[in-house]
């Protein structure tokens, strides 16, 4: 059962609207996104932050744009996200770019204890969503937490992983796990960036979603998540994938016979995409899958 199916069944049974908690919400980017995406489920939003200025800005935007989320309600709480004092279970808990601000690198045990406290607040089938800036320290901390939570009874890793096995990237000296998404940069961002000189054409972040649910059946080994960039030469297109069986593999497709648009389409895949291997063949090095094609695959968290 998907998250939305569970929420919908609760509504049909006369249950209260879903409860969403945004910890360290700031001016409310994640709160407002939840309001918009979950409006059809009448979300009851609870936004927590120590900054009353940020909360005031969130309230103003939420109230002035009611047409975007007419079924949502919002309560703001001026409180430390490490101990907000709110009671009851939540269907969705958001910690977006919050963990690194609440706990320093040396406070990993405290950060993990806090995350376990959030897991204990989840309703059945509820999910804890953690987003962090892309970086070695922030993302490897998520990977370590992911490994320890994967064995916790009653919980499962919903994303970004396709499996519940130990992270094959952690300690493999192959970089840290994160997603990269290209986007059309808004004019407003370009205007601000005239003075900041930041790299804004790619959005990069670390992600972990933990669900209060029994882990799903094992994912097929032919499914993989891209955990490296696409590299291309005259003969092939290659990347690295975290496969459904928990292994880290190099994956390559020969480009002979492909048209330029087909090669460009292959090269357009981004780190974090979930794909399917078509007729894979393991090469003699024991590490590389050579495939006839790569097909888009749905991520389990989307079902």
Protein backbone atom coordinates (compact mmCIF):
# COMPACT_ATOMS: atom_id res chain seq x y z
CA UNK A 1 0.00 0.00 0.00
CA UNK A 2 1.41 3.39 -0.98
CA UNK A 3 1.52 6.40 1.37
CA UNK A 4 -1.31 8.09 -0.50
CA UNK A 5 -3.45 4.93 -0.55
CA UNK A 6 -3.07 4.66 3.21
CA UNK A 7 -4.01 8.30 3.74
CA UNK A 8 -6.96 7.96 1.37
CA UNK A 9 -8.26 4.89 3.21
CA UNK A 10 -8.05 6.79 6.48
CA UNK A 11 -10.18 9.56 5.02
CA UNK A 12 -12.74 7.08 3.70
CA UNK A 13 -12.98 5.53 7.16
CA UNK A 14 -13.79 8.89 8.69
CA UNK A 15 -10.35 9.43 10.25
CA UNK A 16 -8.94 12.89 10.80
CA UNK A 17 -6.91 14.52 8.06
CA UNK A 18 -3.29 13.49 7.74
CA UNK A 19 -0.86 15.19 10.11
CA UNK A 20 2.34 16.66 8.72
CA UNK A 21 5.20 17.91 10.89
CA UNK A 22 7.94 20.10 9.42
CA UNK A 23 10.92 20.38 11.78
CA UNK A 24 13.18 23.39 11.32
CA UNK A 25 10.83 24.68 8.63
CA UNK A 26 12.42 28.12 8.18
CA UNK A 27 10.25 30.23 5.89
CA UNK A 28 8.37 27.09 4.89
CA UNK A 29 9.53 25.80 1.50
CA UNK A 30 8.86 22.17 2.49
CA UNK A 31 5.71 23.06 4.44
CA UNK A 32 4.19 24.82 1.44
CA UNK A 33 5.24 22.03 -0.91
CA UNK A 34 3.43 19.53 1.33
CA UNK A 35 0.38 21.79 1.45
CA UNK A 36 0.24 21.93 -2.33
CA UNK A 37 1.03 18.26 -3.10
CA UNK A 38 -1.18 16.83 -0.35
CA UNK A 39 -4.05 19.31 -0.53
CA UNK A 40 -6.43 16.57 -1.75
CA UNK A 41 -5.79 14.77 1.56
CA UNK A 42 -6.69 17.80 3.75
CA UNK A 43 -3.32 17.97 5.49
CA UNK A 44 -3.03 19.39 8.99
CA UNK A 45 0.38 21.08 8.88
CA UNK A 46 2.52 21.79 11.92
CA UNK A 47 5.58 23.96 11.24
CA UNK A 48 8.31 24.22 13.89
CA UNK A 49 11.16 26.73 13.95
CA UNK A 50 12.93 28.91 16.49
CA UNK A 51 12.74 31.99 14.25
CA UNK A 52 9.51 33.91 14.76
CA UNK A 53 10.44 36.07 11.75
CA UNK A 54 10.60 33.00 9.51
CA UNK A 55 7.32 31.66 10.89
CA UNK A 56 5.62 35.01 10.30
CA UNK A 57 6.77 34.94 6.67
CA UNK A 58 5.45 31.39 6.31
CA UNK A 59 2.07 32.36 7.74
CA UNK A 60 1.80 35.33 5.37
CA UNK A 61 2.58 33.23 2.28
CA UNK A 62 0.29 30.41 3.38
CA UNK A 63 -2.65 32.77 3.97
CA UNK A 64 -2.11 34.86 0.85
CA UNK A 65 -1.96 31.80 -1.44
CA UNK A 66 -4.91 29.86 -0.03
CA UNK A 67 -6.18 29.06 -3.52
CA UNK A 68 -3.21 26.71 -3.96
CA UNK A 69 -4.05 24.61 -0.87
CA UNK A 70 -7.67 25.33 0.14
CA UNK A 71 -8.07 22.10 2.12
CA UNK A 72 -4.88 22.50 4.18
CA UNK A 73 -4.58 23.98 7.66
CA UNK A 74 -1.44 25.37 9.28
CA UNK A 75 -0.27 25.75 12.86
CA UNK A 76 3.08 27.40 13.52
CA UNK A 77 5.15 26.63 16.60
CA UNK A 78 8.00 28.86 17.74
CA UNK A 79 10.14 26.15 19.30
CA UNK A 80 13.45 24.35 19.08
CA UNK A 81 13.09 21.50 16.59
CA UNK A 82 15.16 19.29 18.89
CA UNK A 83 12.36 19.33 21.47
CA UNK A 84 9.15 20.76 20.02
CA UNK A 85 6.81 19.28 22.65
CA UNK A 86 4.07 18.34 20.17
CA UNK A 87 2.11 15.20 20.95
CA UNK A 88 0.36 12.57 18.88
CA UNK A 89 1.38 10.60 15.82
CA UNK A 90 2.23 12.10 12.45
CA UNK A 91 1.73 10.63 9.00
CA UNK A 92 4.61 12.60 7.52
CA UNK A 93 7.60 14.18 9.27
CA UNK A 94 9.91 16.45 7.29
CA UNK A 95 13.45 17.38 8.23
CA UNK A 96 14.66 19.32 5.20
CA UNK A 97 18.18 20.74 5.43
CA UNK A 98 17.71 20.67 9.19
CA UNK A 99 19.86 17.86 10.58
CA UNK A 100 23.18 19.53 9.75
CA UNK A 101 22.04 22.73 11.44
CA UNK A 102 20.76 21.08 14.61
CA UNK A 103 23.72 18.76 15.19
CA UNK A 104 27.40 19.30 14.39
CA UNK A 105 29.59 16.60 12.87
CA UNK A 106 30.78 15.58 16.33
CA UNK A 107 27.20 15.12 17.56
CA UNK A 108 26.26 12.15 15.39
CA UNK A 109 25.06 10.01 18.35
CA UNK A 110 22.76 12.87 19.40
CA UNK A 111 21.53 13.29 15.83
CA UNK A 112 20.75 9.59 15.56
CA UNK A 113 18.92 9.59 18.89
CA UNK A 114 16.83 12.53 17.66
CA UNK A 115 16.01 10.73 14.41
CA UNK A 116 14.90 7.63 16.31
CA UNK A 117 12.61 9.86 18.36
CA UNK A 118 11.01 11.07 15.14
CA UNK A 119 10.54 7.50 13.92
CA UNK A 120 8.71 6.69 17.13
CA UNK A 121 6.25 9.54 16.37
CA UNK A 122 5.21 8.10 13.01
CA UNK A 123 1.73 6.70 12.50
CA UNK A 124 1.47 3.26 10.84
CA UNK A 125 2.64 3.57 7.21
CA UNK A 126 3.89 7.06 8.02
CA UNK A 127 7.19 8.34 6.63
CA UNK A 128 10.14 10.39 7.85
CA UNK A 129 11.70 12.40 5.00
CA UNK A 130 15.23 13.75 5.49
CA UNK A 131 16.91 16.05 2.98
CA UNK A 132 20.47 17.27 3.47
CA UNK A 133 22.88 19.39 1.42
CA UNK A 134 25.01 17.25 -0.89
CA UNK A 135 28.40 16.75 0.70
CA UNK A 136 30.65 14.01 2.02
CA UNK A 137 29.99 14.70 5.70
CA UNK A 138 26.24 15.26 5.49
CA UNK A 139 25.48 12.42 3.08
CA UNK A 140 27.73 9.79 4.62
CA UNK A 141 26.08 10.50 7.95
CA UNK A 142 22.74 9.74 6.29
CA UNK A 143 24.21 6.55 4.81
CA UNK A 144 25.39 5.36 8.23
CA UNK A 145 22.02 6.09 9.77
CA UNK A 146 20.33 4.32 6.86
CA UNK A 147 22.41 1.19 7.48
CA UNK A 148 21.50 1.07 11.15
CA UNK A 149 17.80 1.75 10.62
CA UNK A 150 17.55 -0.90 7.87
CA UNK A 151 17.58 -3.59 10.55
CA UNK A 152 15.09 -1.91 12.90
CA UNK A 153 11.95 -4.07 13.20
CA UNK A 154 8.81 -2.48 11.80
CA UNK A 155 10.61 0.06 9.59
CA UNK A 156 11.81 0.04 6.00
CA UNK A 157 13.96 2.19 3.74
CA UNK A 158 11.56 3.67 1.18
CA UNK A 159 14.08 5.86 -0.66
CA UNK A 160 16.50 6.40 -2.18
CA UNK A 161 17.52 2.75 -2.00
CA UNK A 162 16.00 -0.13 -3.95
CA UNK A 163 16.93 -2.62 -1.24
CA UNK A 164 17.25 -3.06 2.53
CA UNK A 165 20.82 -4.40 2.47
CA UNK A 166 23.92 -2.52 3.65
CA UNK A 167 24.83 0.52 1.55
CA UNK A 168 27.46 -0.69 -0.95
CA UNK A 169 28.80 2.84 -1.43
CA UNK A 170 29.70 3.48 2.19
CA UNK A 171 33.39 2.81 2.65
CA UNK A 172 33.85 1.83 -1.00
CA UNK A 173 35.86 4.96 -1.86
CA UNK A 174 33.49 5.79 -4.72
CA UNK A 175 31.90 9.02 -3.52
CA UNK A 176 28.84 9.75 -1.43
CA UNK A 177 25.20 8.95 -2.21
CA UNK A 178 23.20 11.93 -3.48
CA UNK A 179 20.80 13.04 -6.21
CA UNK A 180 21.44 15.61 -8.94
CA UNK A 181 18.62 17.33 -10.82
CA UNK A 182 18.97 19.92 -13.56
CA UNK A 183 16.26 22.59 -13.76
CA UNK A 184 15.33 25.80 -15.48
CA UNK A 185 16.77 28.45 -13.23
CA UNK A 186 14.11 31.09 -12.42
CA UNK A 187 14.88 34.68 -13.33
CA UNK A 188 14.63 35.62 -9.65
CA UNK A 189 17.43 33.17 -8.77
CA UNK A 190 19.61 34.42 -11.62
CA UNK A 191 19.09 37.96 -10.37
CA UNK A 192 20.17 37.09 -6.82
CA UNK A 193 23.08 35.04 -8.14
CA UNK A 194 24.60 38.02 -9.94
CA UNK A 195 26.33 38.85 -6.67
CA UNK A 196 26.62 35.38 -5.11
CA UNK A 197 28.24 33.58 -8.08
CA UNK A 198 26.87 30.20 -7.01
CA UNK A 199 26.46 27.10 -9.16
CA UNK A 200 22.68 27.04 -9.49
CA UNK A 201 22.03 25.03 -12.64
CA UNK A 202 22.01 21.69 -10.82
CA UNK A 203 20.11 20.88 -7.64
CA UNK A 204 22.03 18.46 -5.43
CA UNK A 205 20.88 16.86 -2.18
CA UNK A 206 21.14 13.81 0.02
CA UNK A 207 17.89 11.93 0.68
CA UNK A 208 16.58 9.35 3.12
CA UNK A 209 12.95 8.28 3.54
CA UNK A 210 12.11 5.79 6.27
CA UNK A 211 8.63 4.32 6.48
CA UNK A 212 6.92 2.75 9.46
CA UNK A 213 6.06 -0.44 7.59
CA UNK A 214 7.27 -3.95 6.92
CA UNK A 215 10.06 -3.94 4.32
CA UNK A 216 8.87 -4.87 0.82
CA UNK A 217 9.90 -7.98 -1.01
CA UNK A 218 13.38 -7.98 -2.48
CA UNK A 219 13.74 -5.81 -5.56
CA UNK A 220 14.88 -7.39 -8.81
CA UNK A 221 18.62 -7.18 -9.43
CA UNK A 222 17.85 -5.81 -12.90
CA UNK A 223 16.69 -2.53 -11.32
CA UNK A 224 19.30 0.00 -10.31
CA UNK A 225 19.64 3.56 -9.11
CA UNK A 226 22.27 5.72 -10.77
CA UNK A 227 24.85 6.73 -8.17
CA UNK A 228 27.36 8.25 -10.55
CA UNK A 229 27.33 10.60 -13.53
CA UNK A 230 27.00 9.41 -17.11
CA UNK A 231 30.34 9.07 -18.90
CA UNK A 232 30.44 8.75 -22.66
CA UNK A 233 33.11 8.06 -25.25
CA UNK A 234 33.09 7.01 -28.90
CA UNK A 235 32.08 3.44 -28.09
CA UNK A 236 29.92 3.44 -24.98
CA UNK A 237 27.88 5.21 -22.36
CA UNK A 238 28.69 4.16 -18.79
CA UNK A 239 27.72 4.91 -15.21
CA UNK A 240 27.59 3.30 -11.77
CA UNK A 241 24.48 1.78 -10.25
CA UNK A 242 23.31 0.61 -6.85
CA UNK A 243 21.37 -2.50 -7.89
CA UNK A 244 18.26 -4.05 -6.41
CA UNK A 245 20.31 -6.93 -4.98
CA UNK A 246 22.43 -4.52 -2.93
CA UNK A 247 25.52 -4.60 -5.15
CA UNK A 248 27.40 -1.67 -6.65
CA UNK A 249 28.10 -2.19 -10.36
CA UNK A 250 29.54 -0.40 -13.32
CA UNK A 251 26.93 -0.36 -16.09
CA UNK A 252 27.67 0.24 -19.74
CA UNK A 253 25.83 0.26 -23.04
CA UNK A 254 27.64 0.18 -26.37
CA UNK A 255 26.53 2.97 -28.70
CA UNK A 256 27.28 1.33 -32.04
CA UNK A 257 24.13 1.41 -34.16
CA UNK A 258 22.44 4.07 -32.03
CA UNK A 259 21.38 7.39 -33.48
CA UNK A 260 22.61 10.69 -32.08
CA UNK A 261 19.22 11.41 -30.42
CA UNK A 262 19.29 7.94 -28.80
CA UNK A 263 22.79 8.54 -27.44
CA UNK A 264 21.80 12.00 -26.18
CA UNK A 265 18.76 10.47 -24.45
CA UNK A 266 21.01 7.95 -22.70
CA UNK A 267 23.42 10.67 -21.63
CA UNK A 268 20.57 12.78 -20.24
CA UNK A 269 19.97 10.43 -17.30
CA UNK A 270 20.96 12.00 -13.97
CA UNK A 271 22.37 10.75 -10.71
CA UNK A 272 19.45 9.38 -8.69
CA UNK A 273 17.43 8.05 -11.66
CA UNK A 274 16.02 4.55 -11.30
CA UNK A 275 16.49 2.42 -14.42
CA UNK A 276 16.07 -1.14 -15.62
CA UNK A 277 18.80 -3.25 -17.23
CA UNK A 278 17.67 -4.81 -20.50
CA UNK A 279 19.37 -8.16 -21.22
CA UNK A 280 22.36 -7.56 -18.92
CA UNK A 281 25.56 -9.58 -19.28
CA UNK A 282 28.17 -9.66 -16.52
CA UNK A 283 31.62 -9.08 -17.96
CA UNK A 284 34.74 -10.97 -17.02
CA UNK A 285 35.80 -8.45 -14.39
CA UNK A 286 32.82 -9.54 -12.28
CA UNK A 287 31.83 -5.91 -11.66
CA UNK A 288 30.42 -4.59 -14.94
CA UNK A 289 26.99 -5.16 -16.48
CA UNK A 290 26.87 -4.65 -20.24
CA UNK A 291 23.30 -4.07 -21.38
CA UNK A 292 21.37 -3.81 -24.63
CA UNK A 293 19.33 -0.88 -23.31
CA UNK A 294 18.39 1.11 -20.21
CA UNK A 295 14.73 1.71 -19.48
CA UNK A 296 13.13 4.05 -16.91
CA UNK A 297 11.87 2.20 -13.85
CA UNK A 298 9.51 3.38 -11.15
CA UNK A 299 10.96 3.87 -7.71
CA UNK A 300 9.26 1.69 -5.05
CA UNK A 301 8.55 4.78 -2.96
CA UNK A 302 6.29 6.06 -5.73
CA UNK A 303 3.89 3.11 -5.54
